[in-house]
Amino acid sequence: MPREMTPRQRWLALLEGRNPDRIPTDYQATGEVTARLRRDLGCADDEALYRKLHIDARRMVEPLWHRPPGLPAGTDMWGVGYREISYGSGAYFEPEHQPLAQADSVAEVHAHRWPSCDDFDYAVVSRTLDGDDGFRPVHAGCYEPFLLYCYLRGLQTSLEDLALRPEIADAILGHLFDFHHLHHRRIFEAGRGRIDTTYVAEDLGAQTGPLMSLAMYRRFLLPNQIRMADLARAHGVHVMFHTDGAARMFLPDLIDRVGIEILNPIQWRCPGMERERLVADFGRRIVFHGSIDNQKTLPFGTVDDVVREVRESVEIYRGARWICAPCHNLQPVSPTSNIVAMYEAIREYGRR
């Protein structure tokens, strides 16, 4: 009987165009869901949870940030302040203080207190990986500049900038790129070839269509996405891309020009993101990640509905490469029974 692969071996097999022993799995959830699953399933920690459900989750590593003196209390390293918003069964943090919300000149953008890579201890990455057993794929870094842009300035103003104030957009995006390019280079150098994946990301789609035009994407975001992906490849790191929603319009550029290798999360209920179409158009070129619907099936379906969707996805992705996972973070509204059913079903039906 062939020896069972480790989670890292399964991920790397897919990325290298080989067949793993079974379809790999991954995990995305809010903290409340993870705590509940650990409690319901009697798991002492996250690793015990992953092993119980046979989840091929990545190991996340990051450098240690040392908060510089003088940074306003209650803000992150970008100067953004947050407030906690309760939704009943959990909470999230909403940007409340947006330090560039009133900026109306490039000079004001340059004058903002931008974070420095010198405030990070990158040796933490090396020390962490020196003790890694190689069992799980290692992930480090995320470049998602327009999300941060919106936190700094506000969503409406940020979108207006692309059309009305391109000089402001260029200045802010330039600072965000300069920081992340150096930050990721130092992370990858500290990883010394042991980092497997990184995120180049941006939410380009809403529920029914794109968030911006293709021309604006190409003007403001695409060039630096290419540079960040090139940086990752130069260090032997595979490029994952995250975008929510109906992002079909952007996929040719992401695949042909950025060179993404993994697409997450495949919200297949959104127009243009139907699994069959994506497999037909791009199935030989990228790995699909996610796909099990957490807007309807996982939260509001039955166990049978979840199993049915997993089996359906196995068939749809049969001629492609797929990592089975929820199509976004599992929310508290998804019952434990449905989450367990997803992982049990892919373990049963996902053998190669």
Protein backbone atom coordinates (compact mmCIF):
# COMPACT_ATOMS: atom_id res chain seq x y z
CA MET A 1 0.00 0.00 0.00
CA PRO A 2 1.48 3.41 -0.95
CA ARG A 3 2.70 5.53 1.93
CA GLU A 4 0.32 8.34 2.93
CA MET A 5 1.56 11.80 2.01
CA THR A 6 2.04 14.64 4.46
CA PRO A 7 0.04 17.86 4.01
CA ARG A 8 3.11 19.59 2.55
CA GLN A 9 3.71 16.76 0.10
CA ARG A 10 0.10 16.99 -1.11
CA TRP A 11 0.32 20.75 -1.71
CA LEU A 12 3.66 20.48 -3.49
CA ALA A 13 2.46 17.59 -5.62
CA LEU A 14 -0.41 19.73 -6.92
CA LEU A 15 1.83 22.73 -7.52
CA GLU A 16 4.29 20.56 -9.43
CA GLY A 17 1.56 19.01 -11.59
CA ARG A 18 1.65 15.60 -9.90
CA ASN A 19 -1.20 13.64 -8.34
CA PRO A 20 -1.34 13.54 -4.54
CA ASP A 21 -2.69 10.51 -2.73
CA ARG A 22 -5.95 12.40 -2.14
CA ILE A 23 -7.43 15.83 -2.73
CA PRO A 24 -5.79 18.19 -0.22
CA THR A 25 -7.85 20.25 2.20
CA ASP A 26 -7.45 23.60 3.90
CA TYR A 27 -9.13 25.63 6.61
CA GLN A 28 -10.44 29.20 6.90
CA ALA A 29 -12.58 30.33 9.84
CA THR A 30 -13.22 33.09 12.33
CA GLY A 31 -11.70 32.69 15.77
CA GLU A 32 -15.11 31.96 17.27
CA VAL A 33 -15.63 29.01 14.93
CA THR A 34 -12.20 27.54 15.63
CA ALA A 35 -12.76 27.80 19.39
CA ARG A 36 -16.16 26.12 19.05
CA LEU A 37 -14.82 23.29 16.90
CA ARG A 38 -12.00 22.63 19.34
CA ARG A 39 -14.50 22.52 22.18
CA ASP A 40 -17.07 20.37 20.36
CA LEU A 41 -14.47 17.90 19.06
CA GLY A 42 -12.34 17.77 22.20
CA CYS A 43 -9.17 19.17 20.61
CA ALA A 44 -6.55 20.81 22.80
CA ASP A 45 -5.19 23.08 20.08
CA ASP A 46 -5.45 23.93 16.39
CA GLU A 47 -3.00 21.21 15.36
CA ALA A 48 -5.11 18.58 17.14
CA LEU A 49 -8.18 19.91 15.30
CA TYR A 50 -6.43 19.71 11.92
CA ARG A 51 -5.31 16.16 12.56
CA LYS A 52 -8.73 15.03 13.76
CA LEU A 53 -10.40 16.35 10.60
CA HIS A 54 -7.44 15.45 8.32
CA ILE A 55 -6.97 19.09 7.28
CA ASP A 56 -3.85 19.91 5.26
CA ALA A 57 -3.64 23.42 6.69
CA ARG A 58 -0.66 25.65 6.04
CA ARG A 59 1.66 26.77 8.81
CA MET A 60 1.78 30.57 8.96
CA VAL A 61 5.05 32.28 9.88
CA GLU A 62 5.75 35.98 10.25
CA PRO A 63 8.38 38.31 11.64
CA LEU A 64 7.93 40.04 15.00
CA TRP A 65 6.86 43.67 14.89
CA HIS A 66 8.27 45.98 17.54
CA ARG A 67 5.90 48.90 18.06
CA PRO A 68 7.87 52.09 17.54
CA PRO A 69 7.67 54.87 20.13
CA GLY A 70 5.30 57.69 19.32
CA LEU A 71 2.81 55.66 17.31
CA PRO A 72 -0.67 56.68 18.51
CA ALA A 73 -2.14 54.25 21.04
CA GLY A 74 -4.88 51.98 19.75
CA THR A 75 -3.72 52.05 16.14
CA ASP A 76 -1.98 49.50 13.94
CA MET A 77 1.36 50.13 12.25
CA TRP A 78 -0.38 52.09 9.46
CA GLY A 79 -1.99 54.45 11.96
CA VAL A 80 -5.47 52.96 11.44
CA GLY A 81 -7.70 52.74 14.52
CA TYR A 82 -10.47 50.15 14.88
CA ARG A 83 -13.63 49.57 16.88
CA GLU A 84 -15.17 46.22 17.75
CA ILE A 85 -18.52 45.45 16.14
CA SER A 86 -20.65 42.66 17.61
CA TYR A 87 -22.86 40.60 15.32
CA GLY A 88 -24.36 38.46 18.07
CA SER A 89 -22.39 35.24 17.81
CA GLY A 90 -19.04 36.96 17.38
CA ALA A 91 -17.32 40.24 16.62
CA TYR A 92 -15.11 41.88 14.04
CA PHE A 93 -13.04 45.05 13.95
CA GLU A 94 -14.08 47.91 11.68
CA PRO A 95 -11.68 50.72 10.73
CA GLU A 96 -12.77 53.80 12.65
CA HIS A 97 -9.82 56.19 12.43
CA GLN A 98 -8.60 56.50 8.84
CA PRO A 99 -5.51 58.71 8.97
CA LEU A 100 -5.50 59.71 5.29
CA ALA A 101 -9.25 60.29 4.99
CA GLN A 102 -8.82 64.06 4.63
CA ALA A 103 -5.58 64.13 2.67
CA ASP A 104 -5.96 66.17 -0.52
CA SER A 105 -2.38 66.43 -1.76
CA VAL A 106 0.54 64.18 -2.54
CA ALA A 107 2.58 66.10 0.04
CA GLU A 108 0.16 65.06 2.79
CA VAL A 109 0.44 61.45 1.67
CA HIS A 110 4.25 61.58 1.83
CA ALA A 111 4.08 63.25 5.26
CA HIS A 112 2.10 60.35 6.75
CA ARG A 113 3.99 58.15 9.21
CA TRP A 114 4.58 55.07 7.06
CA PRO A 115 5.82 51.87 8.77
CA SER A 116 9.45 50.83 8.48
CA CYS A 117 10.78 47.34 7.86
CA ASP A 118 13.44 48.16 10.44
CA ASP A 119 10.74 47.78 13.11
CA PHE A 120 10.56 44.01 12.42
CA ASP A 121 12.68 41.14 13.67
CA TYR A 122 12.98 38.87 10.64
CA ALA A 123 15.27 36.45 12.44
CA VAL A 124 12.10 35.12 14.10
CA VAL A 125 11.18 33.57 10.75
CA SER A 126 14.53 31.77 10.56
CA ARG A 127 14.34 30.52 14.14
CA THR A 128 10.76 29.33 13.68
CA LEU A 129 11.59 27.38 10.55
CA ASP A 130 14.75 25.95 12.08
CA GLY A 131 12.39 24.04 14.38
CA ASP A 132 9.86 23.13 11.70
CA ASP A 133 9.35 19.43 11.04
CA GLY A 134 8.36 19.84 7.38
CA PHE A 135 4.96 18.24 7.96
CA ARG A 136 2.87 21.21 6.84
CA PRO A 137 3.29 23.65 3.96
CA VAL A 138 4.71 26.95 5.16
CA HIS A 139 3.02 30.22 4.22
CA ALA A 140 4.38 33.71 4.78
CA GLY A 141 3.32 37.15 3.67
CA CYS A 142 0.35 38.90 2.09
CA TYR A 143 0.35 41.80 -0.34
CA GLU A 144 -3.15 43.31 -0.57
CA PRO A 145 -2.57 47.04 -1.05
CA PHE A 146 -5.98 48.37 -2.04
CA LEU A 147 -7.56 46.82 1.05
CA LEU A 148 -5.05 48.76 3.17
CA TYR A 149 -5.63 51.83 1.01
CA CYS A 150 -9.33 51.67 1.93
CA TYR A 151 -8.48 51.31 5.61
CA LEU A 152 -6.26 54.39 5.38
CA ARG A 153 -8.71 56.51 3.41
CA GLY A 154 -12.20 54.98 3.35
CA LEU A 155 -13.80 52.82 0.66
CA GLN A 156 -15.76 55.51 -1.18
CA THR A 157 -12.90 58.01 -1.24
CA SER A 158 -10.46 55.29 -2.31
CA LEU A 159 -12.58 54.30 -5.30
CA GLU A 160 -13.08 57.97 -6.19
CA ASP A 161 -9.31 58.49 -6.13
CA LEU A 162 -8.82 56.00 -8.96
CA ALA A 163 -11.08 58.07 -11.20
CA LEU A 164 -10.62 61.62 -9.94
CA ARG A 165 -7.31 61.86 -8.07
CA PRO A 166 -4.85 59.46 -9.70
CA GLU A 167 -1.86 61.34 -8.26
CA ILE A 168 -3.12 60.59 -4.74
CA ALA A 169 -3.68 56.94 -5.68
CA ASP A 170 -0.18 56.63 -7.13
CA ALA A 171 1.38 58.15 -4.02
CA ILE A 172 -0.45 55.90 -1.55
CA LEU A 173 -0.03 52.74 -3.61
CA GLY A 174 3.64 53.61 -4.11
CA HIS A 175 4.26 53.73 -0.36
CA LEU A 176 2.38 50.48 0.15
CA PHE A 177 4.37 48.73 -2.57
CA ASP A 178 7.75 50.00 -1.38
CA PHE A 179 7.10 48.70 2.13
CA HIS A 180 5.74 45.32 1.06
CA HIS A 181 8.43 44.61 -1.52
CA LEU A 182 11.20 45.09 1.01
CA HIS A 183 9.19 43.41 3.79
CA HIS A 184 8.57 40.28 1.70
CA ARG A 185 12.13 40.18 0.42
CA ARG A 186 13.39 40.13 3.99
CA ILE A 187 10.85 37.47 4.97
CA PHE A 188 11.82 35.26 2.02
CA GLU A 189 15.53 35.72 2.72
CA ALA A 190 14.98 34.77 6.36
CA GLY A 191 13.02 31.71 5.19
CA ARG A 192 16.08 30.42 3.32
CA GLY A 193 14.08 28.37 0.82
CA ARG A 194 11.66 26.87 3.36
CA ILE A 195 8.63 29.05 2.57
CA ASP A 196 6.22 27.36 0.19
CA THR A 197 3.45 29.90 -0.50
CA THR A 198 2.64 33.60 -0.20
CA TYR A 199 -0.41 35.72 -0.96
CA VAL A 200 -0.59 38.31 -3.70
CA ALA A 201 -4.17 39.41 -3.15
CA GLU A 202 -6.89 41.94 -3.79
CA ASP A 203 -10.66 41.77 -3.55
CA LEU A 204 -11.57 42.54 -7.15
CA GLY A 205 -15.11 41.19 -7.22
CA ALA A 206 -18.38 41.94 -5.45
CA GLN A 207 -21.33 39.56 -5.26
CA THR A 208 -22.62 40.27 -8.76
CA GLY A 209 -19.75 41.96 -10.63
CA PRO A 210 -16.30 43.54 -10.46
CA LEU A 211 -15.40 46.29 -8.00
CA MET A 212 -13.47 48.26 -10.60
CA SER A 213 -12.95 48.32 -14.34
CA LEU A 214 -10.30 46.21 -16.01
CA ALA A 215 -8.60 49.42 -17.19
CA MET A 216 -8.34 50.73 -13.63
CA TYR A 217 -7.04 47.40 -12.38
CA ARG A 218 -4.36 47.39 -15.07
CA ARG A 219 -3.46 51.01 -14.38
CA PHE A 220 -3.23 50.92 -10.58
CA LEU A 221 -2.79 47.34 -9.33
CA LEU A 222 -1.49 44.95 -12.00
CA PRO A 223 2.10 46.27 -12.41
CA ASN A 224 2.99 45.92 -8.74
CA GLN A 225 1.24 42.56 -8.47
CA ILE A 226 3.59 41.35 -11.20
CA ARG A 227 6.60 42.70 -9.29
CA MET A 228 5.49 41.04 -6.05
CA ALA A 229 4.90 37.71 -7.79
CA ASP A 230 8.30 37.95 -9.50
CA LEU A 231 9.90 38.55 -6.10
CA ALA A 232 8.24 35.43 -4.69
CA ARG A 233 9.29 33.27 -7.63
CA ALA A 234 12.88 34.52 -7.35
CA HIS A 235 12.93 32.97 -3.88
CA GLY A 236 11.19 29.72 -4.89
CA VAL A 237 7.88 30.72 -3.28
CA HIS A 238 4.57 29.75 -4.95
CA VAL A 239 2.02 32.53 -5.54
CA MET A 240 -1.51 32.26 -4.19
CA PHE A 241 -4.07 34.86 -5.17
CA HIS A 242 -7.13 35.79 -3.13
CA THR A 243 -10.10 37.63 -4.53
CA ASP A 244 -13.70 37.46 -3.43
CA GLY A 245 -16.72 37.59 -5.64
CA ALA A 246 -17.31 37.88 -9.36
CA ALA A 247 -13.73 38.35 -10.52
CA ARG A 248 -13.79 36.35 -13.79
CA MET A 249 -12.83 39.39 -15.86
CA PHE A 250 -9.43 39.67 -14.16
CA LEU A 251 -8.35 36.04 -14.36
CA PRO A 252 -6.55 36.12 -17.74
CA ASP A 253 -4.28 38.93 -16.50
CA LEU A 254 -3.74 37.21 -13.17
CA ILE A 255 -2.78 33.94 -14.82
CA ASP A 256 -0.93 35.18 -17.91
CA ARG A 257 0.77 38.28 -16.51
CA VAL A 258 0.99 37.94 -12.73
CA GLY A 259 1.53 34.20 -13.01
CA ILE A 260 -0.62 33.13 -10.08
CA GLU A 261 -0.56 29.41 -9.29
CA ILE A 262 -3.42 29.06 -6.79
CA LEU A 263 -6.77 30.91 -6.97
CA ASN A 264 -8.78 31.38 -3.78
CA PRO A 265 -11.64 31.16 -2.80
CA ILE A 266 -13.92 30.32 -5.83
CA GLN A 267 -17.28 31.80 -4.79
CA TRP A 268 -19.05 29.80 -7.45
CA ARG A 269 -22.48 31.30 -6.90
CA CYS A 270 -21.16 34.63 -8.26
CA PRO A 271 -21.65 35.29 -11.99
CA GLY A 272 -18.73 34.10 -14.08
CA MET A 273 -17.23 32.03 -11.25
CA GLU A 274 -19.11 28.82 -12.03
CA ARG A 275 -16.82 25.88 -11.33
CA GLU A 276 -17.38 24.16 -14.67
CA ARG A 277 -16.48 27.31 -16.61
CA LEU A 278 -13.36 27.95 -14.58
CA VAL A 279 -12.17 24.38 -15.06
CA ALA A 280 -12.84 24.52 -18.79
CA ASP A 281 -11.01 27.82 -19.23
CA PHE A 282 -8.17 27.59 -16.70
CA GLY A 283 -8.15 24.08 -15.28
CA ARG A 284 -4.83 23.07 -16.79
CA ARG A 285 -3.00 26.15 -15.56
CA ILE A 286 -3.86 26.86 -11.93
CA VAL A 287 -4.84 25.18 -8.68
CA PHE A 288 -8.35 25.98 -7.42
CA HIS A 289 -8.64 26.56 -3.66
CA GLY A 290 -11.89 26.63 -1.70
CA SER A 291 -15.28 26.21 -3.44
CA ILE A 292 -17.46 24.72 -0.69
CA ASP A 293 -20.09 27.41 -0.38
CA ASN A 294 -20.30 29.22 2.95
CA GLN A 295 -23.07 31.62 1.99
CA LYS A 296 -25.82 29.01 1.69
CA THR A 297 -24.68 25.39 1.84
CA LEU A 298 -22.45 25.33 4.92
CA PRO A 299 -24.50 27.70 7.10
CA PHE A 300 -28.04 26.86 6.04
CA GLY A 301 -27.90 23.47 4.31
CA THR A 302 -28.20 20.03 5.83
CA VAL A 303 -25.39 17.54 6.28
CA ASP A 304 -26.67 15.79 3.15
CA ASP A 305 -26.48 19.08 1.24
CA VAL A 306 -22.86 19.53 2.27
CA VAL A 307 -21.90 15.99 1.29
CA ARG A 308 -23.69 16.42 -2.03
CA GLU A 309 -21.76 19.62 -2.80
CA VAL A 310 -18.43 18.01 -1.93
CA ARG A 311 -19.16 15.03 -4.20
CA GLU A 312 -20.31 17.37 -6.97
CA SER A 313 -17.11 19.39 -6.65
CA VAL A 314 -14.96 16.26 -6.77
CA GLU A 315 -16.50 15.43 -10.14
CA ILE A 316 -16.25 18.98 -11.50
CA TYR A 317 -12.58 19.30 -10.55
CA ARG A 318 -11.67 15.76 -11.59
CA GLY A 319 -9.70 17.00 -14.60
CA ALA A 320 -8.11 19.85 -12.67
CA ARG A 321 -6.18 20.53 -9.48
CA TRP A 322 -8.20 21.42 -6.41
CA ILE A 323 -7.71 22.05 -2.68
CA CYS A 324 -11.00 21.47 -0.87
CA ALA A 325 -11.91 24.18 1.64
CA PRO A 326 -14.76 26.54 2.48
CA CYS A 327 -15.08 29.32 -0.09
CA HIS A 328 -14.21 31.87 2.62
CA ASN A 329 -13.90 32.08 6.39
CA LEU A 330 -16.33 29.79 8.18
CA GLN A 331 -18.73 31.92 10.24
CA PRO A 332 -20.45 31.03 13.55
CA VAL A 333 -23.73 30.49 11.68
CA SER A 334 -22.25 27.31 10.13
CA PRO A 335 -23.00 24.38 12.49
CA THR A 336 -20.26 22.03 13.61
CA SER A 337 -22.06 19.08 11.99
CA ASN A 338 -21.86 20.67 8.54
CA ILE A 339 -18.19 21.58 8.90
CA VAL A 340 -17.30 18.07 10.02
CA ALA A 341 -19.38 16.64 7.16
CA MET A 342 -17.36 18.63 4.62
CA TYR A 343 -14.04 17.20 5.81
CA GLU A 344 -15.37 13.68 6.27
CA ALA A 345 -16.90 13.74 2.77
CA ILE A 346 -13.73 14.86 1.03
CA ARG A 347 -11.76 12.23 2.93
CA GLU A 348 -14.19 9.58 1.70
CA TYR A 349 -14.66 10.72 -1.90
CA GLY A 350 -11.41 12.57 -2.58
CA ARG A 351 -9.07 9.62 -3.06
CA ARG A 352 -7.18 9.67 -6.34
